[in-house]
Structures are given as C-alpha cells and as structure tokens.
Amino acid sequence: MIKILAIDDIDNNLNCLGRIINETFPGSVFISALDGTSGIELAIANDPDVILLDIVMPDLDGFDVCRILKHDDRVSDITVIFLTSTIDIRQNRIRHLKWGLKHSSPNQLMRLNLLPR
C-alpha cells in the first residue's frame, strides 16, 4: 500500500489532491498537512513513499521543508515532488536540482502530473 503525504497551506488544494490520489491509487493512504512543521512531523511519524510539497507557504516554505527533510536520516530517502503555482519555473527548477529533486509540477493539477514517472 502506497502512502502519500501532501503538504500545502491551502485546504482546498489538499482536498483536491486527496480525491485525485484516492481515485488514481485505490487503497493508497493519503496524509495531509497544512504547514511545513506539521508536514515534517507527519513525514517522520508515517514514513510516506512520496511527499507532494507546495513551495509558497508561510513560516517554512517548501524549500525549507525539503532542506530539513533531506538532512534528516529518518526521511532523507523519501521522494519529494514540488507542486507549485509559481511562475518562475526555471529559477525554481535550479533550486529543485540543488536539493536533489527529480520532478516538479505546476499546481494546475492534472492526473498525468501525479502518475509515477
């Protein structure tokens, strides 16, 4: 059973993601957090297979969350996929690569963007 953690400060985004994940991956476990700190705690407690992470969030943004996760041996091997509505994809892509991220996807959610690559 696949476990997916989504971290986004917009509740509606998490609800949409949850529906898409449940329809696309029946039997999967969908876990969500409305802020970076809670997301880090849930990642450590639940050991998800993948983390879907928004970039623009108050307090800890997605880059800070990713940096913390990638420096914690308990969760550093979890795949992180950024979901973002930011316009400057090229600049964000450079930051993604710096942290070892393989994929990013605009926050205009489509099922194809969430399927395993």
PDB file of N, CA and C in Angstrom:
ATOM      1  N   MET A   1       0.838  -1.168   0.000  1.00  0.00           N
ATOM      2  CA  MET A   1       0.000   0.000   0.000  1.00  0.00           C
ATOM      3  C   MET A   1       0.892   1.243   0.000  1.00  0.00           C
ATOM      4  N   ILE A   2       0.644   2.143  -0.939  1.00  0.00           N
ATOM      5  CA  ILE A   2       1.442   3.357  -1.065  1.00  0.00           C
ATOM      6  C   ILE A   2       0.907   4.426  -0.114  1.00  0.00           C
ATOM      7  N   LYS A   3       1.852   5.143   0.537  1.00  0.00           N
ATOM      8  CA  LYS A   3       1.498   6.250   1.424  1.00  0.00           C
ATOM      9  C   LYS A   3       1.999   7.545   0.797  1.00  0.00           C
ATOM     10  N   ILE A   4       1.086   8.497   0.659  1.00  0.00           N
ATOM     11  CA  ILE A   4       1.417   9.774   0.043  1.00  0.00           C
ATOM     12  C   ILE A   4       1.113  10.885   1.040  1.00  0.00           C
ATOM     13  N   LEU A   5       2.107  11.723   1.291  1.00  0.00           N
ATOM     14  CA  LEU A   5       1.947  12.881   2.161  1.00  0.00           C
ATOM     15  C   LEU A   5       1.918  14.131   1.293  1.00  0.00           C
ATOM     16  N   ALA A   6       0.900  14.955   1.451  1.00  0.00           N
ATOM     17  CA  ALA A   6       0.816  16.236   0.758  1.00  0.00           C
ATOM     18  C   ALA A   6       0.920  17.348   1.795  1.00  0.00           C
ATOM     19  N   ILE A   7       1.755  18.339   1.483  1.00  0.00           N
ATOM     20  CA  ILE A   7       1.939  19.483   2.369  1.00  0.00           C
ATOM     21  C   ILE A   7       1.611  20.745   1.576  1.00  0.00           C
ATOM     22  N   ASP A   8       0.575  21.448   1.998  1.00  0.00           N
ATOM     23  CA  ASP A   8       0.115  22.658   1.307  1.00  0.00           C
ATOM     24  C   ASP A   8      -0.674  23.484   2.309  1.00  0.00           C
ATOM     25  N   ASP A   9      -0.509  24.789   2.276  1.00  0.00           N
ATOM     26  CA  ASP A   9      -1.213  25.638   3.229  1.00  0.00           C
ATOM     27  C   ASP A   9      -2.640  25.977   2.795  1.00  0.00           C
ATOM     28  N   ILE A  10      -3.063  25.489   1.643  1.00  0.00           N
ATOM     29  CA  ILE A  10      -4.424  25.747   1.155  1.00  0.00           C
ATOM     30  C   ILE A  10      -5.225  24.454   1.250  1.00  0.00           C
ATOM     31  N   ASP A  11      -6.201  24.474   2.139  1.00  0.00           N
ATOM     32  CA  ASP A  11      -7.006  23.285   2.419  1.00  0.00           C
ATOM     33  C   ASP A  11      -7.696  22.738   1.168  1.00  0.00           C
ATOM     34  N   ASN A  12      -8.188  23.613   0.320  1.00  0.00           N
ATOM     35  CA  ASN A  12      -8.866  23.175  -0.900  1.00  0.00           C
ATOM     36  C   ASN A  12      -7.921  22.385  -1.811  1.00  0.00           C
ATOM     37  N   ASN A  13      -6.656  22.809  -1.895  1.00  0.00           N
ATOM     38  CA  ASN A  13      -5.674  22.064  -2.692  1.00  0.00           C
ATOM     39  C   ASN A  13      -5.499  20.650  -2.147  1.00  0.00           C
ATOM     40  N   LEU A  14      -5.429  20.544  -0.824  1.00  0.00           N
ATOM     41  CA  LEU A  14      -5.270  19.225  -0.202  1.00  0.00           C
ATOM     42  C   LEU A  14      -6.492  18.348  -0.446  1.00  0.00           C
ATOM     43  N   ASN A  15      -7.676  18.941  -0.389  1.00  0.00           N
ATOM     44  CA  ASN A  15      -8.899  18.169  -0.669  1.00  0.00           C
ATOM     45  C   ASN A  15      -8.905  17.652  -2.104  1.00  0.00           C
ATOM     46  N   CYS A  16      -8.541  18.510  -3.045  1.00  0.00           N
ATOM     47  CA  CYS A  16      -8.481  18.091  -4.454  1.00  0.00           C
ATOM     48  C   CYS A  16      -7.440  16.995  -4.659  1.00  0.00           C
ATOM     49  N   LEU A  17      -6.267  17.191  -4.085  1.00  0.00           N
ATOM     50  CA  LEU A  17      -5.217  16.177  -4.190  1.00  0.00           C
ATOM     51  C   LEU A  17      -5.674  14.851  -3.605  1.00  0.00           C
ATOM     52  N   GLY A  18      -6.314  14.912  -2.461  1.00  0.00           N
ATOM     53  CA  GLY A  18      -6.797  13.693  -1.813  1.00  0.00           C
ATOM     54  C   GLY A  18      -7.759  12.927  -2.694  1.00  0.00           C
ATOM     55  N   ARG A  19      -8.683  13.647  -3.327  1.00  0.00           N
ATOM     56  CA  ARG A  19      -9.637  12.988  -4.240  1.00  0.00           C
ATOM     57  C   ARG A  19      -8.918  12.363  -5.435  1.00  0.00           C
ATOM     58  N   ILE A  20      -7.999  13.112  -6.020  1.00  0.00           N
ATOM     59  CA  ILE A  20      -7.262  12.598  -7.185  1.00  0.00           C
ATOM     60  C   ILE A  20      -6.438  11.367  -6.805  1.00  0.00           C
ATOM     61  N   ILE A  21      -5.749  11.446  -5.680  1.00  0.00           N
ATOM     62  CA  ILE A  21      -4.918  10.323  -5.227  1.00  0.00           C
ATOM     63  C   ILE A  21      -5.784   9.098  -4.964  1.00  0.00           C
ATOM     64  N   ASN A  22      -6.882   9.274  -4.256  1.00  0.00           N
ATOM     65  CA  ASN A  22      -7.757   8.139  -3.930  1.00  0.00           C
ATOM     66  C   ASN A  22      -8.373   7.505  -5.171  1.00  0.00           C
ATOM     67  N   GLU A  23      -8.692   8.309  -6.180  1.00  0.00           N
ATOM     68  CA  GLU A  23      -9.236   7.761  -7.427  1.00  0.00           C
ATOM     69  C   GLU A  23      -8.156   7.081  -8.258  1.00  0.00           C
ATOM     70  N   THR A  24      -6.970   7.665  -8.282  1.00  0.00           N
ATOM     71  CA  THR A  24      -5.884   7.161  -9.125  1.00  0.00           C
ATOM     72  C   THR A  24      -5.177   5.957  -8.514  1.00  0.00           C
ATOM     73  N   PHE A  25      -5.065   5.962  -7.193  1.00  0.00           N
ATOM     74  CA  PHE A  25      -4.365   4.894  -6.483  1.00  0.00           C
ATOM     75  C   PHE A  25      -5.287   4.306  -5.414  1.00  0.00           C
ATOM     76  N   PRO A  26      -6.274   3.498  -5.841  1.00  0.00           N
ATOM     77  CA  PRO A  26      -7.193   2.912  -4.856  1.00  0.00           C
ATOM     78  C   PRO A  26      -6.415   2.118  -3.793  1.00  0.00           C
ATOM     79  N   GLY A  27      -6.827   2.265  -2.557  1.00  0.00           N
ATOM     80  CA  GLY A  27      -6.165   1.564  -1.476  1.00  0.00           C
ATOM     81  C   GLY A  27      -4.959   2.299  -0.912  1.00  0.00           C
ATOM     82  N   SER A  28      -4.595   3.424  -1.526  1.00  0.00           N
ATOM     83  CA  SER A  28      -3.459   4.188  -1.013  1.00  0.00           C
ATOM     84  C   SER A  28      -3.869   4.928   0.260  1.00  0.00           C
ATOM     85  N   VAL A  29      -2.866   5.343   1.008  1.00  0.00           N
ATOM     86  CA  VAL A  29      -3.097   6.143   2.208  1.00  0.00           C
ATOM     87  C   VAL A  29      -2.678   7.568   1.888  1.00  0.00           C
ATOM     88  N   PHE A  30      -3.612   8.499   2.047  1.00  0.00           N
ATOM     89  CA  PHE A  30      -3.341   9.913   1.794  1.00  0.00           C
ATOM     90  C   PHE A  30      -3.277  10.638   3.126  1.00  0.00           C
ATOM     91  N   ILE A  31      -2.153  11.296   3.375  1.00  0.00           N
ATOM     92  CA  ILE A  31      -1.919  12.040   4.606  1.00  0.00           C
ATOM     93  C   ILE A  31      -1.675  13.495   4.193  1.00  0.00           C
ATOM     94  N   SER A  32      -2.199  14.443   4.968  1.00  0.00           N
ATOM     95  CA  SER A  32      -2.003  15.840   4.578  1.00  0.00           C
ATOM     96  C   SER A  32      -1.652  16.712   5.771  1.00  0.00           C
ATOM     97  N   ALA A  33      -0.944  17.795   5.457  1.00  0.00           N
ATOM     98  CA  ALA A  33      -0.558  18.779   6.464  1.00  0.00           C
ATOM     99  C   ALA A  33      -0.742  20.172   5.874  1.00  0.00           C
ATOM    100  N   LEU A  34      -1.214  21.100   6.708  1.00  0.00           N
ATOM    101  CA  LEU A  34      -1.463  22.471   6.274  1.00  0.00           C
ATOM    102  C   LEU A  34      -0.280  23.415   6.490  1.00  0.00           C
ATOM    103  N   ASP A  35       0.826  22.902   7.005  1.00  0.00           N
ATOM    104  CA  ASP A  35       2.011  23.742   7.170  1.00  0.00           C
ATOM    105  C   ASP A  35       3.256  22.858   7.171  1.00  0.00           C
ATOM    106  N   GLY A  36       4.391  23.508   6.976  1.00  0.00           N
ATOM    107  CA  GLY A  36       5.640  22.774   6.865  1.00  0.00           C
ATOM    108  C   GLY A  36       6.039  22.023   8.114  1.00  0.00           C
ATOM    109  N   THR A  37       5.863  22.633   9.269  1.00  0.00           N
ATOM    110  CA  THR A  37       6.251  21.982  10.518  1.00  0.00           C
ATOM    111  C   THR A  37       5.450  20.701  10.743  1.00  0.00           C
ATOM    112  N   SER A  38       4.142  20.789  10.562  1.00  0.00           N
ATOM    113  CA  SER A  38       3.298  19.587  10.701  1.00  0.00           C
ATOM    114  C   SER A  38       3.658  18.544   9.660  1.00  0.00           C
ATOM    115  N   GLY A  39       3.977  19.001   8.448  1.00  0.00           N
ATOM    116  CA  GLY A  39       4.365  18.077   7.390  1.00  0.00           C
ATOM    117  C   GLY A  39       5.621  17.303   7.726  1.00  0.00           C
ATOM    118  N   ILE A  40       6.602  17.986   8.293  1.00  0.00           N
ATOM    119  CA  ILE A  40       7.845  17.315   8.702  1.00  0.00           C
ATOM    120  C   ILE A  40       7.544  16.279   9.775  1.00  0.00           C
ATOM    121  N   GLU A  41       6.736  16.657  10.753  1.00  0.00           N
ATOM    122  CA  GLU A  41       6.371  15.723  11.827  1.00  0.00           C
ATOM    123  C   GLU A  41       5.641  14.498  11.274  1.00  0.00           C
ATOM    124  N   LEU A  42       4.716  14.725  10.328  1.00  0.00           N
ATOM    125  CA  LEU A  42       3.978  13.606   9.730  1.00  0.00           C
ATOM    126  C   LEU A  42       4.888  12.722   8.889  1.00  0.00           C
ATOM    127  N   ALA A  43       5.850  13.320   8.210  1.00  0.00           N
ATOM    128  CA  ALA A  43       6.799  12.533   7.418  1.00  0.00           C
ATOM    129  C   ALA A  43       7.595  11.599   8.320  1.00  0.00           C
ATOM    130  N   ILE A  44       8.069  12.120   9.429  1.00  0.00           N
ATOM    131  CA  ILE A  44       8.852  11.307  10.359  1.00  0.00           C
ATOM    132  C   ILE A  44       7.990  10.212  10.986  1.00  0.00           C
ATOM    133  N   ALA A  45       6.765  10.554  11.344  1.00  0.00           N
ATOM    134  CA  ALA A  45       5.885   9.591  12.020  1.00  0.00           C
ATOM    135  C   ALA A  45       5.316   8.527  11.093  1.00  0.00           C
ATOM    136  N   ASN A  46       5.108   8.862   9.808  1.00  0.00           N
ATOM    137  CA  ASN A  46       4.389   7.954   8.905  1.00  0.00           C
ATOM    138  C   ASN A  46       5.240   7.334   7.806  1.00  0.00           C
ATOM    139  N   ASP A  47       6.454   7.823   7.588  1.00  0.00           N
ATOM    140  CA  ASP A  47       7.349   7.297   6.562  1.00  0.00           C
ATOM    141  C   ASP A  47       6.626   7.090   5.219  1.00  0.00           C
ATOM    142  N   PRO A  48       6.141   8.189   4.612  1.00  0.00           N
ATOM    143  CA  PRO A  48       5.433   8.044   3.334  1.00  0.00           C
ATOM    144  C   PRO A  48       6.371   7.630   2.203  1.00  0.00           C
ATOM    145  N   ASP A  49       5.785   7.107   1.138  1.00  0.00           N
ATOM    146  CA  ASP A  49       6.566   6.727  -0.040  1.00  0.00           C
ATOM    147  C   ASP A  49       6.942   7.948  -0.870  1.00  0.00           C
ATOM    148  N   VAL A  50       6.093   8.959  -0.842  1.00  0.00           N
ATOM    149  CA  VAL A  50       6.328  10.177  -1.611  1.00  0.00           C
ATOM    150  C   VAL A  50       5.703  11.352  -0.870  1.00  0.00           C
ATOM    151  N   ILE A  51       6.319  12.520  -1.046  1.00  0.00           N
ATOM    152  CA  ILE A  51       5.791  13.757  -0.474  1.00  0.00           C
ATOM    153  C   ILE A  51       5.504  14.719  -1.616  1.00  0.00           C
ATOM    154  N   LEU A  52       4.269  15.210  -1.667  1.00  0.00           N
ATOM    155  CA  LEU A  52       3.875  16.258  -2.602  1.00  0.00           C
ATOM    156  C   LEU A  52       3.931  17.564  -1.820  1.00  0.00           C
ATOM    157  N   LEU A  53       4.770  18.496  -2.244  1.00  0.00           N
ATOM    158  CA  LEU A  53       5.115  19.648  -1.420  1.00  0.00           C
ATOM    159  C   LEU A  53       4.911  20.961  -2.170  1.00  0.00           C
ATOM    160  N   ASP A  54       4.098  21.831  -1.582  1.00  0.00           N
ATOM    161  CA  ASP A  54       3.926  23.183  -2.117  1.00  0.00           C
ATOM    162  C   ASP A  54       5.160  24.005  -1.768  1.00  0.00           C
ATOM    163  N   ILE A  55       5.487  24.976  -2.600  1.00  0.00           N
ATOM    164  CA  ILE A  55       6.640  25.822  -2.332  1.00  0.00           C
ATOM    165  C   ILE A  55       6.249  27.031  -1.486  1.00  0.00           C
ATOM    166  N   VAL A  56       5.216  27.743  -1.905  1.00  0.00           N
ATOM    167  CA  VAL A  56       4.852  29.007  -1.262  1.00  0.00           C
ATOM    168  C   VAL A  56       3.925  28.738  -0.087  1.00  0.00           C
ATOM    169  N   MET A  57       4.512  28.793   1.119  1.00  0.00           N
ATOM    170  CA  MET A  57       3.758  28.609   2.356  1.00  0.00           C
ATOM    171  C   MET A  57       4.321  29.567   3.393  1.00  0.00           C
ATOM    172  N   PRO A  58       3.492  30.015   4.353  1.00  0.00           N
ATOM    173  CA  PRO A  58       4.009  30.886   5.417  1.00  0.00           C
ATOM    174  C   PRO A  58       4.945  30.107   6.346  1.00  0.00           C
ATOM    175  N   ASP A  59       5.707  30.826   7.097  1.00  0.00           N
ATOM    176  CA  ASP A  59       6.674  30.261   8.049  1.00  0.00           C
ATOM    177  C   ASP A  59       7.725  29.452   7.303  1.00  0.00           C
ATOM    178  N   LEU A  60       7.598  28.147   7.234  1.00  0.00           N
ATOM    179  CA  LEU A  60       8.538  27.319   6.466  1.00  0.00           C
ATOM    180  C   LEU A  60       8.020  27.156   5.052  1.00  0.00           C
ATOM    181  N   ASP A  61       8.766  27.640   4.053  1.00  0.00           N
ATOM    182  CA  ASP A  61       8.323  27.398   2.677  1.00  0.00           C
ATOM    183  C   ASP A  61       8.765  25.995   2.250  1.00  0.00           C
ATOM    184  N   GLY A  62       8.362  25.602   1.059  1.00  0.00           N
ATOM    185  CA  GLY A  62       8.672  24.255   0.585  1.00  0.00           C
ATOM    186  C   GLY A  62      10.155  23.962   0.509  1.00  0.00           C
ATOM    187  N   PHE A  63      10.954  24.961   0.155  1.00  0.00           N
ATOM    188  CA  PHE A  63      12.390  24.749   0.081  1.00  0.00           C
ATOM    189  C   PHE A  63      12.976  24.474   1.464  1.00  0.00           C
ATOM    190  N   ASP A  64      12.499  25.213   2.470  1.00  0.00           N
ATOM    191  CA  ASP A  64      12.972  24.970   3.837  1.00  0.00           C
ATOM    192  C   ASP A  64      12.551  23.583   4.319  1.00  0.00           C
ATOM    193  N   VAL A  65      11.314  23.215   4.028  1.00  0.00           N
ATOM    194  CA  VAL A  65      10.829  21.890   4.421  1.00  0.00           C
ATOM    195  C   VAL A  65      11.679  20.811   3.758  1.00  0.00           C
ATOM    196  N   CYS A  66      11.925  20.962   2.481  1.00  0.00           N
ATOM    197  CA  CYS A  66      12.721  19.976   1.748  1.00  0.00           C
ATOM    198  C   CYS A  66      14.135  19.882   2.315  1.00  0.00           C
ATOM    199  N   ARG A  67      14.743  21.030   2.603  1.00  0.00           N
ATOM    200  CA  ARG A  67      16.098  21.036   3.163  1.00  0.00           C
ATOM    201  C   ARG A  67      16.139  20.285   4.489  1.00  0.00           C
ATOM    202  N   ILE A  68      15.150  20.535   5.343  1.00  0.00           N
ATOM    203  CA  ILE A  68      15.093  19.850   6.633  1.00  0.00           C
ATOM    204  C   ILE A  68      14.917  18.351   6.442  1.00  0.00           C
ATOM    205  N   LEU A  69      14.010  17.963   5.536  1.00  0.00           N
ATOM    206  CA  LEU A  69      13.773  16.538   5.286  1.00  0.00           C
ATOM    207  C   LEU A  69      15.013  15.850   4.735  1.00  0.00           C
ATOM    208  N   LYS A  70      15.690  16.490   3.804  1.00  0.00           N
ATOM    209  CA  LYS A  70      16.840  15.870   3.153  1.00  0.00           C
ATOM    210  C   LYS A  70      18.059  15.777   4.069  1.00  0.00           C
ATOM    211  N   HIS A  71      18.043  16.518   5.184  1.00  0.00           N
ATOM    212  CA  HIS A  71      19.140  16.449   6.151  1.00  0.00           C
ATOM    213  C   HIS A  71      18.790  15.598   7.373  1.00  0.00           C
ATOM    214  N   ASP A  72      17.660  14.937   7.327  1.00  0.00           N
ATOM    215  CA  ASP A  72      17.249  14.061   8.435  1.00  0.00           C
ATOM    216  C   ASP A  72      17.307  12.621   7.937  1.00  0.00           C
ATOM    217  N   ASP A  73      18.202  11.826   8.484  1.00  0.00           N
ATOM    218  CA  ASP A  73      18.409  10.452   8.009  1.00  0.00           C
ATOM    219  C   ASP A  73      17.143   9.598   8.055  1.00  0.00           C
ATOM    220  N   ARG A  74      16.214   9.933   8.931  1.00  0.00           N
ATOM    221  CA  ARG A  74      14.979   9.146   9.038  1.00  0.00           C
ATOM    222  C   ARG A  74      14.084   9.298   7.814  1.00  0.00           C
ATOM    223  N   VAL A  75      14.199  10.414   7.104  1.00  0.00           N
ATOM    224  CA  VAL A  75      13.284  10.684   5.988  1.00  0.00           C
ATOM    225  C   VAL A  75      13.995  11.169   4.730  1.00  0.00           C
ATOM    226  N   SER A  76      15.312  11.189   4.724  1.00  0.00           N
ATOM    227  CA  SER A  76      16.056  11.778   3.603  1.00  0.00           C
ATOM    228  C   SER A  76      15.893  11.033   2.286  1.00  0.00           C
ATOM    229  N   ASP A  77      15.495   9.765   2.330  1.00  0.00           N
ATOM    230  CA  ASP A  77      15.364   8.994   1.089  1.00  0.00           C
ATOM    231  C   ASP A  77      13.953   9.049   0.496  1.00  0.00           C
ATOM    232  N   ILE A  78      13.038   9.780   1.119  1.00  0.00           N
ATOM    233  CA  ILE A  78      11.672   9.885   0.596  1.00  0.00           C
ATOM    234  C   ILE A  78      11.669  10.792  -0.630  1.00  0.00           C
ATOM    235  N   THR A  79      11.022  10.363  -1.693  1.00  0.00           N
ATOM    236  CA  THR A  79      10.900  11.166  -2.905  1.00  0.00           C
ATOM    237  C   THR A  79      10.021  12.379  -2.621  1.00  0.00           C
ATOM    238  N   VAL A  80      10.494  13.560  -3.032  1.00  0.00           N
ATOM    239  CA  VAL A  80       9.746  14.804  -2.869  1.00  0.00           C
ATOM    240  C   VAL A  80       9.432  15.355  -4.248  1.00  0.00           C
ATOM    241  N   ILE A  81       8.173  15.674  -4.481  1.00  0.00           N
ATOM    242  CA  ILE A  81       7.741  16.297  -5.732  1.00  0.00           C
ATOM    243  C   ILE A  81       7.107  17.635  -5.377  1.00  0.00           C
ATOM    244  N   PHE A  82       7.658  18.716  -5.917  1.00  0.00           N
ATOM    245  CA  PHE A  82       7.082  20.029  -5.677  1.00  0.00           C
ATOM    246  C   PHE A  82       5.861  20.231  -6.566  1.00  0.00           C
ATOM    247  N   LEU A  83       4.807  20.714  -5.967  1.00  0.00           N
ATOM    248  CA  LEU A  83       3.626  21.189  -6.686  1.00  0.00           C
ATOM    249  C   LEU A  83       3.556  22.678  -6.412  1.00  0.00           C
ATOM    250  N   THR A  84       3.602  23.491  -7.460  1.00  0.00           N
ATOM    251  CA  THR A  84       3.667  24.927  -7.225  1.00  0.00           C
ATOM    252  C   THR A  84       2.896  25.709  -8.271  1.00  0.00           C
ATOM    253  N   SER A  85       2.436  26.870  -7.859  1.00  0.00           N
ATOM    254  CA  SER A  85       1.764  27.776  -8.787  1.00  0.00           C
ATOM    255  C   SER A  85       2.680  28.936  -9.153  1.00  0.00           C
ATOM    256  N   THR A  86       3.929  28.896  -8.725  1.00  0.00           N
ATOM    257  CA  THR A  86       4.844  29.990  -9.024  1.00  0.00           C
ATOM    258  C   THR A  86       5.131  30.034 -10.516  1.00  0.00           C
ATOM    259  N   ILE A  87       5.329  31.232 -10.999  1.00  0.00           N
ATOM    260  CA  ILE A  87       5.527  31.449 -12.429  1.00  0.00           C
ATOM    261  C   ILE A  87       6.946  31.108 -12.866  1.00  0.00           C
ATOM    262  N   ASP A  88       7.939  31.440 -12.064  1.00  0.00           N
ATOM    263  CA  ASP A  88       9.329  31.299 -12.467  1.00  0.00           C
ATOM    264  C   ASP A  88       9.795  29.860 -12.309  1.00  0.00           C
ATOM    265  N   ILE A  89       9.324  28.995 -13.206  1.00  0.00           N
ATOM    266  CA  ILE A  89       9.642  27.571 -13.148  1.00  0.00           C
ATOM    267  C   ILE A  89      11.147  27.341 -13.310  1.00  0.00           C
ATOM    268  N   ARG A  90      11.817  28.090 -14.174  1.00  0.00           N
ATOM    269  CA  ARG A  90      13.244  27.873 -14.415  1.00  0.00           C
ATOM    270  C   ARG A  90      14.055  28.117 -13.145  1.00  0.00           C
ATOM    271  N   GLN A  91      13.785  29.237 -12.449  1.00  0.00           N
ATOM    272  CA  GLN A  91      14.522  29.527 -11.215  1.00  0.00           C
ATOM    273  C   GLN A  91      14.226  28.474 -10.152  1.00  0.00           C
ATOM    274  N   ASN A  92      12.950  28.067 -10.046  1.00  0.00           N
ATOM    275  CA  ASN A  92      12.601  27.033  -9.080  1.00  0.00           C
ATOM    276  C   ASN A  92      13.254  25.710  -9.448  1.00  0.00           C
ATOM    277  N   ARG A  93      13.355  25.409 -10.730  1.00  0.00           N
ATOM    278  CA  ARG A  93      13.973  24.161 -11.182  1.00  0.00           C
ATOM    279  C   ARG A  93      15.431  24.099 -10.720  1.00  0.00           C
ATOM    280  N   ILE A  94      16.129  25.227 -10.785  1.00  0.00           N
ATOM    281  CA  ILE A  94      17.515  25.275 -10.327  1.00  0.00           C
ATOM    282  C   ILE A  94      17.574  24.948  -8.833  1.00  0.00           C
ATOM    283  N   ARG A  95      16.666  25.541  -8.063  1.00  0.00           N
ATOM    284  CA  ARG A  95      16.641  25.255  -6.622  1.00  0.00           C
ATOM    285  C   ARG A  95      16.257  23.797  -6.377  1.00  0.00           C
ATOM    286  N   HIS A  96      15.343  23.254  -7.173  1.00  0.00           N
ATOM    287  CA  HIS A  96      14.943  21.847  -7.035  1.00  0.00           C
ATOM    288  C   HIS A  96      16.159  20.947  -7.230  1.00  0.00           C
ATOM    289  N   LEU A  97      16.910  21.201  -8.285  1.00  0.00           N
ATOM    290  CA  LEU A  97      18.070  20.366  -8.583  1.00  0.00           C
ATOM    291  C   LEU A  97      19.113  20.465  -7.476  1.00  0.00           C
ATOM    292  N   LYS A  98      19.256  21.647  -6.891  1.00  0.00           N
ATOM    293  CA  LYS A  98      20.212  21.832  -5.793  1.00  0.00           C
ATOM    294  C   LYS A  98      19.900  20.888  -4.638  1.00  0.00           C
ATOM    295  N   TRP A  99      18.619  20.637  -4.394  1.00  0.00           N
ATOM    296  CA  TRP A  99      18.222  19.759  -3.291  1.00  0.00           C
ATOM    297  C   TRP A  99      18.049  18.315  -3.737  1.00  0.00           C
ATOM    298  N   GLY A 100      18.379  18.017  -4.991  1.00  0.00           N
ATOM    299  CA  GLY A 100      18.299  16.638  -5.458  1.00  0.00           C
ATOM    300  C   GLY A 100      16.902  16.205  -5.862  1.00  0.00           C
ATOM    301  N   LEU A 101      16.033  17.164  -6.152  1.00  0.00           N
ATOM    302  CA  LEU A 101      14.668  16.823  -6.542  1.00  0.00           C
ATOM    303  C   LEU A 101      14.638  16.473  -8.020  1.00  0.00           C
ATOM    304  N   LYS A 102      13.844  15.477  -8.363  1.00  0.00           N
ATOM    305  CA  LYS A 102      13.815  14.993  -9.728  1.00  0.00           C
ATOM    306  C   LYS A 102      12.674  15.562 -10.549  1.00  0.00           C
ATOM    307  N   HIS A 103      11.553  15.876  -9.906  1.00  0.00           N
ATOM    308  CA  HIS A 103      10.364  16.312 -10.638  1.00  0.00           C
ATOM    309  C   HIS A 103       9.730  17.493  -9.940  1.00  0.00           C
ATOM    310  N   SER A 104       9.142  18.366 -10.739  1.00  0.00           N
ATOM    311  CA  SER A 104       8.289  19.411 -10.190  1.00  0.00           C
ATOM    312  C   SER A 104       7.119  19.555 -11.147  1.00  0.00           C
ATOM    313  N   SER A 105       6.020  20.054 -10.648  1.00  0.00           N
ATOM    314  CA  SER A 105       4.820  20.133 -11.456  1.00  0.00           C
ATOM    315  C   SER A 105       4.059  21.403 -11.121  1.00  0.00           C
ATOM    316  N   PRO A 106       3.614  22.167 -12.126  1.00  0.00           N
ATOM    317  CA  PRO A 106       2.778  23.327 -11.819  1.00  0.00           C
ATOM    318  C   PRO A 106       1.541  22.890 -11.045  1.00  0.00           C
ATOM    319  N   ASN A 107       1.025  23.765 -10.220  1.00  0.00           N
ATOM    320  CA  ASN A 107      -0.088  23.421  -9.349  1.00  0.00           C
ATOM    321  C   ASN A 107      -1.427  23.376 -10.084  1.00  0.00           C
ATOM    322  N   GLN A 108      -1.420  23.484 -11.399  1.00  0.00           N
ATOM    323  CA  GLN A 108      -2.620  23.276 -12.189  1.00  0.00           C
ATOM    324  C   GLN A 108      -2.738  21.764 -12.321  1.00  0.00           C
ATOM    325  N   LEU A 109      -3.418  21.161 -11.362  1.00  0.00           N
ATOM    326  CA  LEU A 109      -3.381  19.719 -11.199  1.00  0.00           C
ATOM    327  C   LEU A 109      -4.040  18.978 -12.351  1.00  0.00           C
ATOM    328  N   MET A 110      -3.316  18.018 -12.831  1.00  0.00           N
ATOM    329  CA  MET A 110      -3.823  17.098 -13.836  1.00  0.00           C
ATOM    330  C   MET A 110      -3.402  15.709 -13.392  1.00  0.00           C
ATOM    331  N   ARG A 111      -4.223  14.721 -13.640  1.00  0.00           N
ATOM    332  CA  ARG A 111      -3.895  13.364 -13.225  1.00  0.00           C
ATOM    333  C   ARG A 111      -2.548  12.907 -13.763  1.00  0.00           C
ATOM    334  N   LEU A 112      -2.217  13.269 -14.984  1.00  0.00           N
ATOM    335  CA  LEU A 112      -0.958  12.823 -15.568  1.00  0.00           C
ATOM    336  C   LEU A 112       0.236  13.318 -14.776  1.00  0.00           C
ATOM    337  N   ASN A 113       0.126  14.505 -14.182  1.00  0.00           N
ATOM    338  CA  ASN A 113       1.241  15.047 -13.418  1.00  0.00           C
ATOM    339  C   ASN A 113       1.502  14.231 -12.163  1.00  0.00           C
ATOM    340  N   LEU A 114       0.516  13.489 -11.674  1.00  0.00           N
ATOM    341  CA  LEU A 114       0.670  12.767 -10.428  1.00  0.00           C
ATOM    342  C   LEU A 114       0.966  11.303 -10.612  1.00  0.00           C
ATOM    343  N   LEU A 115       0.928  10.824 -11.843  1.00  0.00           N
ATOM    344  CA  LEU A 115       1.230   9.424 -12.085  1.00  0.00           C
ATOM    345  C   LEU A 115       2.719   9.193 -11.944  1.00  0.00           C
ATOM    346  N   PRO A 116       3.131   8.016 -11.509  1.00  0.00           N
ATOM    347  CA  PRO A 116       4.562   7.743 -11.345  1.00  0.00           C
ATOM    348  C   PRO A 116       5.309   7.939 -12.658  1.00  0.00           C
ATOM    349  N   ARG A 117       6.501   8.505 -12.562  1.00  0.00           N
ATOM    350  CA  ARG A 117       7.293   8.743 -13.784  1.00  0.00           C
ATOM    351  C   ARG A 117       8.330   7.669 -13.909  1.00  0.00           C
TER     352      ARG A 117
END
